[in-house]
């Protein structure tokens, strides 16, 4: 198993000779992002609605 390490501004990226692992982690990140956006939109909507009721 070959392993190379790259130092970046965001931290250390380790590239391992197993591409299926890299694909798996990018899939997980992609599934978390829409969920976070959805929660953010929901919170924003609720805050704006509660402000509209107060006025």
Protein backbone atom coordinates (compact mmCIF):
# COMPACT_ATOMS: atom_id res chain seq x y z
CA UNK A 1 0.00 0.00 0.00
CA UNK A 2 1.63 3.19 -1.18
CA UNK A 3 0.94 6.28 0.87
CA UNK A 4 1.89 9.86 0.11
CA UNK A 5 1.26 12.87 2.32
CA UNK A 6 0.67 16.43 1.16
CA UNK A 7 0.78 19.41 3.50
CA UNK A 8 -1.83 22.04 2.63
CA UNK A 9 -3.25 25.13 4.32
CA UNK A 10 -6.24 23.05 5.44
CA UNK A 11 -4.08 20.37 7.01
CA UNK A 12 -2.60 17.10 5.89
CA UNK A 13 -4.06 15.14 3.02
CA UNK A 14 -3.02 11.51 2.94
CA UNK A 15 -3.36 9.84 -0.43
CA UNK A 16 -3.55 6.08 -0.01
CA UNK A 17 -3.38 3.59 -2.86
CA UNK A 18 -7.02 2.60 -2.29
CA UNK A 19 -9.31 4.86 -4.38
CA UNK A 20 -12.52 3.25 -3.10
CA UNK A 21 -11.82 4.70 0.36
CA UNK A 22 -11.41 8.20 -1.08
CA UNK A 23 -14.67 7.81 -3.03
CA UNK A 24 -16.42 6.59 0.13
CA UNK A 25 -15.36 9.64 2.19
CA UNK A 26 -16.32 12.09 -0.58
CA UNK A 27 -19.74 10.43 -0.75
CA UNK A 28 -20.20 10.92 2.98
CA UNK A 29 -19.27 14.61 2.70
CA UNK A 30 -21.72 15.05 -0.17
CA UNK A 31 -24.56 13.55 1.87
CA UNK A 32 -23.80 15.77 4.89
CA UNK A 33 -23.68 19.05 2.92
CA UNK A 34 -27.29 19.06 1.58
CA UNK A 35 -28.51 18.07 5.04
CA UNK A 36 -26.66 21.01 6.60
CA UNK A 37 -28.07 23.38 3.96
CA UNK A 38 -31.57 22.05 4.59
CA UNK A 39 -31.26 22.55 8.36
CA UNK A 40 -29.86 26.05 7.80
CA UNK A 41 -32.76 26.96 5.51
CA UNK A 42 -35.27 25.58 8.02
CA UNK A 43 -33.76 27.56 10.91
CA UNK A 44 -33.68 30.75 8.80
CA UNK A 45 -37.32 30.21 7.80
CA UNK A 46 -38.42 29.70 11.42
CA UNK A 47 -36.52 32.78 12.63
CA UNK A 48 -38.00 34.98 9.89
CA UNK A 49 -41.49 33.64 10.61
CA UNK A 50 -41.21 34.31 14.34
CA UNK A 51 -39.94 37.84 13.64
CA UNK A 52 -42.87 38.48 11.29
CA UNK A 53 -45.30 37.41 14.02
CA UNK A 54 -43.77 39.79 16.57
CA UNK A 55 -44.22 42.86 14.34
